[in-house]
Amino acid sequence: MLRLEDRYIFPIFKNGSTSLHHDSDEILTNDEISGCNLIHILLRDPRERFQAGINKYAMLNNTTVKNVIQQVKKNELSDRHFMPQWVWLLHLYKYYHGNVQLDSFKNIANYCKNHKGKTVSYTQETGVLADYIDYDYQLISHIGKTLPLKKLIEGCNHALS
């Protein structure tokens, strides 16, 4: 958890987390976040994030995108670079049960001054996207809203079933 000026932000990997960490005024541990009144969460377009994450993972692990996709389809691989954003919310819920405000990753400049958008060339579209990121698209529909995290987590439970 990060504090930037008077806001608390839960950084999701591949959603500007490096820039947010760089600009943060304070890093809070999991045990310190329960007292926060409101936590901001930036959500990225699920398809874009997935593709960027798959390509980054393949590059870092010296493998092909095709190989990574095959492993993901077989449920043999998950990684922080591309795991669904709702998984990050499940982790947050272990330590925080208050309200969250969802915002678009496109608005990252409202949170940090030094974000330098990174580009990744996408080598292919995949059929795995629908199964893997459907609930992330439901989360996107809540951008601009302040909601109890529990309400979002209940939707995650439906995504798991």
Protein backbone atom coordinates (compact mmCIF):
# COMPACT_ATOMS: atom_id res chain seq x y z
CA MET A 1 0.00 0.00 0.00
CA LEU A 2 1.30 3.43 -0.87
CA ARG A 3 0.56 6.91 0.39
CA LEU A 4 0.90 9.70 -2.14
CA GLU A 5 0.16 12.99 -0.42
CA ASP A 6 -3.26 12.50 1.19
CA ARG A 7 -4.32 9.42 -0.81
CA TYR A 8 -3.73 5.73 -0.23
CA ILE A 9 -3.20 3.67 -3.36
CA PHE A 10 -3.10 -0.07 -3.77
CA PRO A 11 -0.68 -0.69 -6.66
CA ILE A 12 -1.48 -3.52 -9.03
CA PHE A 13 1.53 -4.86 -10.89
CA LYS A 14 1.65 -3.70 -14.55
CA ASN A 15 -0.66 -0.78 -13.69
CA GLY A 16 2.03 1.84 -13.15
CA SER A 17 3.17 0.28 -9.87
CA THR A 18 6.84 1.16 -10.44
CA SER A 19 6.02 4.83 -11.04
CA LEU A 20 3.63 4.91 -8.09
CA HIS A 21 6.27 3.40 -5.80
CA HIS A 22 8.82 5.92 -7.03
CA ASP A 23 6.56 8.89 -6.25
CA SER A 24 5.15 7.55 -2.97
CA ASP A 25 5.57 9.42 0.29
CA GLU A 26 5.17 6.29 2.39
CA ILE A 27 4.90 2.54 1.99
CA LEU A 28 2.49 0.86 4.37
CA THR A 29 2.68 -2.79 5.36
CA ASN A 30 -0.31 -5.10 5.13
CA ASP A 31 -0.88 -4.76 8.87
CA GLU A 32 -0.96 -0.95 8.66
CA ILE A 33 -3.68 -0.57 6.02
CA SER A 34 -6.74 -1.57 8.03
CA GLY A 35 -7.10 1.99 9.34
CA CYS A 36 -7.31 3.62 5.91
CA ASN A 37 -10.63 5.31 5.17
CA LEU A 38 -10.42 4.94 1.42
CA ILE A 39 -8.03 3.18 -0.93
CA HIS A 40 -7.63 4.14 -4.58
CA ILE A 41 -7.10 1.40 -7.16
CA LEU A 42 -6.09 1.99 -10.76
CA LEU A 43 -7.53 -0.54 -13.21
CA ARG A 44 -6.02 -1.11 -16.62
CA ASP A 45 -7.82 -2.37 -19.70
CA PRO A 46 -7.74 -6.13 -19.08
CA ARG A 47 -6.90 -7.17 -22.65
CA GLU A 48 -4.09 -4.63 -22.92
CA ARG A 49 -2.66 -5.59 -19.52
CA PHE A 50 -2.86 -9.30 -20.27
CA GLN A 51 -1.10 -8.97 -23.60
CA ALA A 52 1.60 -6.68 -22.21
CA GLY A 53 2.12 -9.04 -19.28
CA ILE A 54 2.33 -12.16 -21.44
CA ASN A 55 4.88 -10.50 -23.72
CA LYS A 56 6.92 -9.21 -20.75
CA TYR A 57 6.88 -12.63 -19.07
CA ALA A 58 8.00 -14.34 -22.29
CA MET A 59 10.83 -11.84 -22.72
CA LEU A 60 12.01 -12.13 -19.10
CA ASN A 61 11.93 -15.93 -19.23
CA ASN A 62 13.49 -16.29 -22.67
CA THR A 63 10.54 -18.16 -24.10
CA THR A 64 7.93 -17.55 -26.76
CA VAL A 65 4.56 -15.92 -26.32
CA LYS A 66 3.03 -19.05 -27.85
CA ASN A 67 4.61 -21.22 -25.15
CA VAL A 68 3.39 -18.92 -22.38
CA ILE A 69 -0.15 -18.89 -23.80
CA GLN A 70 -0.19 -22.69 -23.98
CA GLN A 71 0.85 -22.93 -20.32
CA VAL A 72 -1.78 -20.39 -19.26
CA LYS A 73 -4.51 -22.24 -21.19
CA LYS A 74 -3.55 -25.47 -19.39
CA ASN A 75 -3.59 -23.68 -16.01
CA GLU A 76 0.09 -24.48 -15.62
CA LEU A 77 1.22 -20.88 -15.31
CA SER A 78 0.14 -17.69 -13.62
CA ASP A 79 2.34 -14.71 -12.97
CA ARG A 80 2.01 -11.25 -11.48
CA HIS A 81 2.69 -9.74 -14.90
CA PHE A 82 -0.62 -10.94 -16.30
CA MET A 83 -2.77 -12.49 -13.55
CA PRO A 84 -6.24 -10.96 -13.45
CA GLN A 85 -6.58 -7.73 -11.52
CA TRP A 86 -9.34 -9.19 -9.36
CA VAL A 87 -6.75 -11.57 -7.85
CA TRP A 88 -4.95 -8.50 -6.49
CA LEU A 89 -8.22 -7.38 -4.87
CA LEU A 90 -8.53 -10.75 -3.15
CA HIS A 91 -5.10 -10.19 -1.65
CA LEU A 92 -6.03 -6.69 -0.51
CA TYR A 93 -9.16 -8.04 1.17
CA LYS A 94 -7.06 -10.21 3.47
CA TYR A 95 -5.93 -7.00 5.20
CA TYR A 96 -8.53 -4.33 4.38
CA HIS A 97 -12.33 -4.35 4.48
CA GLY A 98 -13.18 -0.70 3.82
CA ASN A 99 -14.12 1.32 0.76
CA VAL A 100 -12.16 1.51 -2.47
CA GLN A 101 -12.37 4.02 -5.26
CA LEU A 102 -11.73 2.60 -8.71
CA ASP A 103 -10.06 4.75 -11.33
CA SER A 104 -8.80 4.17 -14.84
CA PHE A 105 -5.12 3.55 -15.41
CA LYS A 106 -5.42 6.24 -18.08
CA ASN A 107 -5.62 8.72 -15.19
CA ILE A 108 -2.28 7.71 -13.65
CA ALA A 109 -0.98 11.27 -14.12
CA ASN A 110 -3.47 12.32 -11.43
CA TYR A 111 -1.58 10.08 -8.98
CA CYS A 112 2.07 10.36 -9.90
CA LYS A 113 4.16 12.87 -11.75
CA ASN A 114 6.78 10.65 -13.32
CA HIS A 115 4.96 7.87 -15.14
CA LYS A 116 6.59 7.13 -18.42
CA GLY A 117 4.24 4.98 -20.46
CA LYS A 118 5.99 1.87 -21.64
CA THR A 119 5.14 0.20 -24.89
CA VAL A 120 5.27 -3.51 -25.53
CA SER A 121 4.80 -4.97 -28.96
CA TYR A 122 2.04 -7.55 -28.93
CA THR A 123 2.77 -10.56 -31.04
CA GLN A 124 -0.65 -12.18 -31.02
CA GLU A 125 -4.21 -12.17 -29.79
CA THR A 126 -5.26 -15.17 -27.75
CA GLY A 127 -8.46 -17.06 -27.11
CA VAL A 128 -7.52 -17.39 -23.45
CA LEU A 129 -8.52 -13.81 -22.79
CA ALA A 130 -12.25 -14.38 -22.30
CA ASP A 131 -11.81 -17.06 -19.65
CA TYR A 132 -8.96 -15.29 -17.97
CA ILE A 133 -10.14 -11.70 -17.71
CA ASP A 134 -13.95 -11.65 -17.87
CA TYR A 135 -14.35 -10.47 -14.29
CA ASP A 136 -11.74 -7.75 -14.81
CA TYR A 137 -14.10 -6.28 -17.41
CA GLN A 138 -16.86 -6.26 -14.82
CA LEU A 139 -14.53 -4.37 -12.48
CA ILE A 140 -13.88 -1.81 -15.22
CA SER A 141 -17.60 -1.03 -15.24
CA HIS A 142 -17.21 0.32 -11.68
CA ILE A 143 -14.54 2.90 -12.56
CA GLY A 144 -15.38 6.23 -11.00
CA LYS A 145 -17.27 4.62 -8.14
CA THR A 146 -16.50 4.25 -4.46
CA LEU A 147 -17.58 0.84 -3.22
CA PRO A 148 -17.04 -1.47 -0.27
CA LEU A 149 -14.23 -3.83 -1.23
CA LYS A 150 -16.39 -6.69 0.04
CA LYS A 151 -18.92 -6.05 -2.75
CA LEU A 152 -16.17 -6.42 -5.37
CA ILE A 153 -14.82 -9.52 -3.66
CA GLU A 154 -18.25 -11.14 -3.74
CA GLY A 155 -18.17 -10.73 -7.51
CA CYS A 156 -14.74 -12.36 -7.55
CA ASN A 157 -16.21 -15.38 -5.82
CA HIS A 158 -18.68 -15.71 -8.68
CA ALA A 159 -15.76 -15.50 -11.12
CA LEU A 160 -14.13 -18.43 -9.33
CA SER A 161 -17.18 -20.69 -9.56
